[in-house]
Amino acid sequence: MEYLVEVSPAALAEAEAAYQWIANSSQANAARWFNGLLDAIISLESNPRRCSLARESGLLPAEVRQLVYGLYRILFVV
């Protein structure tokens, strides 16, 4: 089953800020990091439940999962 992945404006803004921070040192590394991040997010289309529950999940009405990408956690609901 394929799932539709929607990225919130806030998450996109954070990713763009991280890209800019990395790009200050290396444009190539920033592009590689950002493309890898997008690939990780897109991978959620096929099997999002493979990811563990986030520690915040019990505090919210929805089941929140996390996908770890490097030092970043991608939080999402299915």
N, C-alpha and C. Protein backbone atom coordinates (compact mmCIF):
# COMPACT_ATOMS: atom_id res chain seq x y z
N MET A 1 0.84 -1.18 0.00
CA MET A 1 0.00 0.00 0.00
C MET A 1 0.88 1.23 0.00
N GLU A 2 0.54 2.17 -0.83
CA GLU A 2 1.26 3.44 -0.89
C GLU A 2 0.55 4.48 -0.02
N TYR A 3 1.31 5.27 0.68
CA TYR A 3 0.79 6.35 1.51
C TYR A 3 1.19 7.68 0.89
N LEU A 4 0.36 8.69 1.08
CA LEU A 4 0.67 10.04 0.64
C LEU A 4 1.49 10.71 1.73
N VAL A 5 2.63 11.24 1.37
CA VAL A 5 3.49 11.93 2.33
C VAL A 5 3.33 13.43 2.11
N GLU A 6 2.95 14.12 3.16
CA GLU A 6 2.82 15.57 3.12
C GLU A 6 3.81 16.16 4.13
N VAL A 7 4.59 17.12 3.68
CA VAL A 7 5.57 17.78 4.55
C VAL A 7 4.98 19.11 4.99
N SER A 8 4.96 19.34 6.29
CA SER A 8 4.39 20.60 6.81
C SER A 8 5.29 21.77 6.43
N PRO A 9 4.71 22.96 6.31
CA PRO A 9 5.53 24.15 6.02
C PRO A 9 6.62 24.37 7.07
N ALA A 10 6.32 24.09 8.33
CA ALA A 10 7.32 24.28 9.39
C ALA A 10 8.49 23.31 9.22
N ALA A 11 8.18 22.06 8.88
CA ALA A 11 9.25 21.07 8.67
C ALA A 11 10.10 21.45 7.47
N LEU A 12 9.47 21.91 6.41
CA LEU A 12 10.22 22.33 5.23
C LEU A 12 11.11 23.52 5.54
N ALA A 13 10.62 24.46 6.32
CA ALA A 13 11.43 25.62 6.71
C ALA A 13 12.64 25.20 7.53
N GLU A 14 12.45 24.24 8.44
CA GLU A 14 13.57 23.74 9.24
C GLU A 14 14.60 23.03 8.37
N ALA A 15 14.13 22.26 7.41
CA ALA A 15 15.05 21.55 6.50
C ALA A 15 15.83 22.55 5.65
N GLU A 16 15.16 23.58 5.18
CA GLU A 16 15.84 24.60 4.38
C GLU A 16 16.86 25.37 5.21
N ALA A 17 16.55 25.63 6.48
CA ALA A 17 17.51 26.32 7.36
C ALA A 17 18.73 25.43 7.59
N ALA A 18 18.53 24.14 7.79
CA ALA A 18 19.65 23.22 7.96
C ALA A 18 20.49 23.16 6.69
N TYR A 19 19.82 23.13 5.55
CA TYR A 19 20.53 23.14 4.26
C TYR A 19 21.42 24.39 4.17
N GLN A 20 20.87 25.55 4.48
CA GLN A 20 21.64 26.79 4.40
C GLN A 20 22.84 26.77 5.35
N TRP A 21 22.64 26.22 6.54
CA TRP A 21 23.73 26.14 7.51
C TRP A 21 24.86 25.26 6.97
N ILE A 22 24.51 24.11 6.41
CA ILE A 22 25.51 23.21 5.84
C ILE A 22 26.17 23.84 4.62
N ALA A 23 25.37 24.54 3.82
CA ALA A 23 25.89 25.17 2.59
C ALA A 23 26.92 26.25 2.88
N ASN A 24 26.89 26.82 4.08
CA ASN A 24 27.91 27.81 4.44
C ASN A 24 29.30 27.20 4.40
N SER A 25 29.40 25.90 4.63
CA SER A 25 30.68 25.20 4.58
C SER A 25 30.91 24.53 3.24
N SER A 26 29.83 23.94 2.68
CA SER A 26 29.99 23.19 1.44
C SER A 26 28.65 23.04 0.73
N GLN A 27 28.56 23.60 -0.46
CA GLN A 27 27.34 23.46 -1.27
C GLN A 27 27.09 21.99 -1.62
N ALA A 28 28.16 21.27 -1.94
CA ALA A 28 28.03 19.87 -2.34
C ALA A 28 27.49 19.03 -1.18
N ASN A 29 28.03 19.24 0.01
CA ASN A 29 27.55 18.49 1.18
C ASN A 29 26.10 18.84 1.51
N ALA A 30 25.76 20.11 1.36
CA ALA A 30 24.39 20.54 1.62
C ALA A 30 23.42 19.87 0.66
N ALA A 31 23.77 19.83 -0.61
CA ALA A 31 22.91 19.19 -1.61
C ALA A 31 22.78 17.70 -1.34
N ARG A 32 23.89 17.05 -0.99
CA ARG A 32 23.87 15.62 -0.69
C ARG A 32 22.98 15.35 0.54
N TRP A 33 23.13 16.17 1.57
CA TRP A 33 22.32 16.01 2.78
C TRP A 33 20.84 16.21 2.48
N PHE A 34 20.51 17.27 1.77
CA PHE A 34 19.11 17.58 1.49
C PHE A 34 18.47 16.51 0.62
N ASN A 35 19.19 16.04 -0.39
CA ASN A 35 18.65 14.98 -1.25
C ASN A 35 18.44 13.69 -0.46
N GLY A 36 19.36 13.39 0.45
CA GLY A 36 19.20 12.21 1.30
C GLY A 36 18.00 12.36 2.23
N LEU A 37 17.79 13.57 2.74
CA LEU A 37 16.63 13.83 3.58
C LEU A 37 15.34 13.61 2.80
N LEU A 38 15.28 14.13 1.59
CA LEU A 38 14.09 13.94 0.76
C LEU A 38 13.85 12.46 0.46
N ASP A 39 14.93 11.73 0.17
CA ASP A 39 14.80 10.29 -0.08
C ASP A 39 14.25 9.57 1.16
N ALA A 40 14.73 9.96 2.33
CA ALA A 40 14.25 9.34 3.57
C ALA A 40 12.77 9.62 3.78
N ILE A 41 12.36 10.85 3.52
CA ILE A 41 10.95 11.21 3.69
C ILE A 41 10.09 10.47 2.67
N ILE A 42 10.53 10.42 1.44
CA ILE A 42 9.77 9.73 0.39
C ILE A 42 9.65 8.24 0.69
N SER A 43 10.66 7.68 1.37
CA SER A 43 10.61 6.25 1.69
C SER A 43 9.44 5.91 2.60
N LEU A 44 8.87 6.91 3.26
CA LEU A 44 7.72 6.67 4.14
C LEU A 44 6.47 6.32 3.35
N GLU A 45 6.48 6.54 2.06
CA GLU A 45 5.33 6.19 1.23
C GLU A 45 5.03 4.69 1.26
N SER A 46 6.06 3.89 1.36
CA SER A 46 5.87 2.45 1.20
C SER A 46 5.60 1.70 2.51
N ASN A 47 6.21 2.08 3.61
CA ASN A 47 6.01 1.33 4.85
C ASN A 47 6.31 2.22 6.07
N PRO A 48 5.46 3.18 6.36
CA PRO A 48 5.76 4.10 7.46
C PRO A 48 5.73 3.46 8.84
N ARG A 49 5.02 2.36 8.98
CA ARG A 49 4.92 1.72 10.29
C ARG A 49 6.18 0.94 10.66
N ARG A 50 7.14 0.90 9.76
CA ARG A 50 8.43 0.27 10.09
C ARG A 50 9.19 1.10 11.11
N CYS A 51 8.82 2.37 11.22
CA CYS A 51 9.50 3.30 12.13
C CYS A 51 8.92 3.20 13.52
N SER A 52 9.76 3.39 14.51
CA SER A 52 9.34 3.26 15.90
C SER A 52 8.46 4.43 16.33
N LEU A 53 7.75 4.20 17.42
CA LEU A 53 6.96 5.29 18.01
C LEU A 53 7.91 6.31 18.61
N ALA A 54 7.57 7.57 18.46
CA ALA A 54 8.35 8.65 19.07
C ALA A 54 8.02 8.72 20.55
N ARG A 55 8.94 9.21 21.34
CA ARG A 55 8.71 9.30 22.78
C ARG A 55 7.53 10.23 23.10
N GLU A 56 7.21 11.16 22.20
CA GLU A 56 6.10 12.08 22.40
C GLU A 56 4.74 11.44 22.12
N SER A 57 4.75 10.27 21.54
CA SER A 57 3.52 9.66 21.06
C SER A 57 2.46 9.49 22.16
N GLY A 58 2.87 9.12 23.34
CA GLY A 58 1.92 8.91 24.43
C GLY A 58 1.28 10.18 24.94
N LEU A 59 1.84 11.32 24.59
CA LEU A 59 1.33 12.61 25.08
C LEU A 59 0.33 13.24 24.12
N LEU A 60 0.19 12.66 22.95
CA LEU A 60 -0.65 13.26 21.91
C LEU A 60 -1.78 12.31 21.53
N PRO A 61 -2.85 12.86 20.97
CA PRO A 61 -3.98 12.00 20.60
C PRO A 61 -3.68 11.08 19.41
N ALA A 62 -2.74 11.46 18.57
CA ALA A 62 -2.38 10.64 17.40
C ALA A 62 -1.10 9.85 17.70
N GLU A 63 -0.96 8.72 17.03
CA GLU A 63 0.26 7.91 17.16
C GLU A 63 1.36 8.59 16.35
N VAL A 64 2.39 9.06 17.03
CA VAL A 64 3.50 9.76 16.38
C VAL A 64 4.67 8.80 16.23
N ARG A 65 5.18 8.70 15.02
CA ARG A 65 6.33 7.84 14.74
C ARG A 65 7.52 8.71 14.39
N GLN A 66 8.71 8.06 14.36
CA GLN A 66 9.93 8.80 14.04
C GLN A 66 10.80 8.02 13.08
N LEU A 67 11.40 8.75 12.19
CA LEU A 67 12.40 8.22 11.28
C LEU A 67 13.67 9.01 11.54
N VAL A 68 14.74 8.34 11.89
CA VAL A 68 16.00 9.02 12.19
C VAL A 68 16.81 9.15 10.91
N TYR A 69 17.26 10.38 10.65
CA TYR A 69 18.11 10.66 9.50
C TYR A 69 19.32 11.43 10.02
N GLY A 70 20.43 10.76 10.16
CA GLY A 70 21.62 11.40 10.72
C GLY A 70 21.34 11.84 12.15
N LEU A 71 21.48 13.12 12.40
CA LEU A 71 21.23 13.68 13.73
C LEU A 71 19.79 14.16 13.89
N TYR A 72 18.98 14.00 12.87
CA TYR A 72 17.63 14.54 12.85
C TYR A 72 16.58 13.45 13.03
N ARG A 73 15.50 13.80 13.68
CA ARG A 73 14.34 12.93 13.80
C ARG A 73 13.23 13.53 12.94
N ILE A 74 12.67 12.72 12.09
CA ILE A 74 11.53 13.12 11.29
C ILE A 74 10.31 12.56 11.99
N LEU A 75 9.49 13.43 12.54
CA LEU A 75 8.29 13.02 13.26
C LEU A 75 7.11 13.05 12.32
N PHE A 76 6.25 12.03 12.41
CA PHE A 76 5.12 11.96 11.49
C PHE A 76 4.01 11.11 12.06
N VAL A 77 2.82 11.27 11.50
CA VAL A 77 1.68 10.43 11.83
C VAL A 77 1.27 9.69 10.55
N VAL A 78 0.69 8.51 10.73
CA VAL A 78 0.24 7.71 9.59
C VAL A 78 -1.25 7.92 9.44
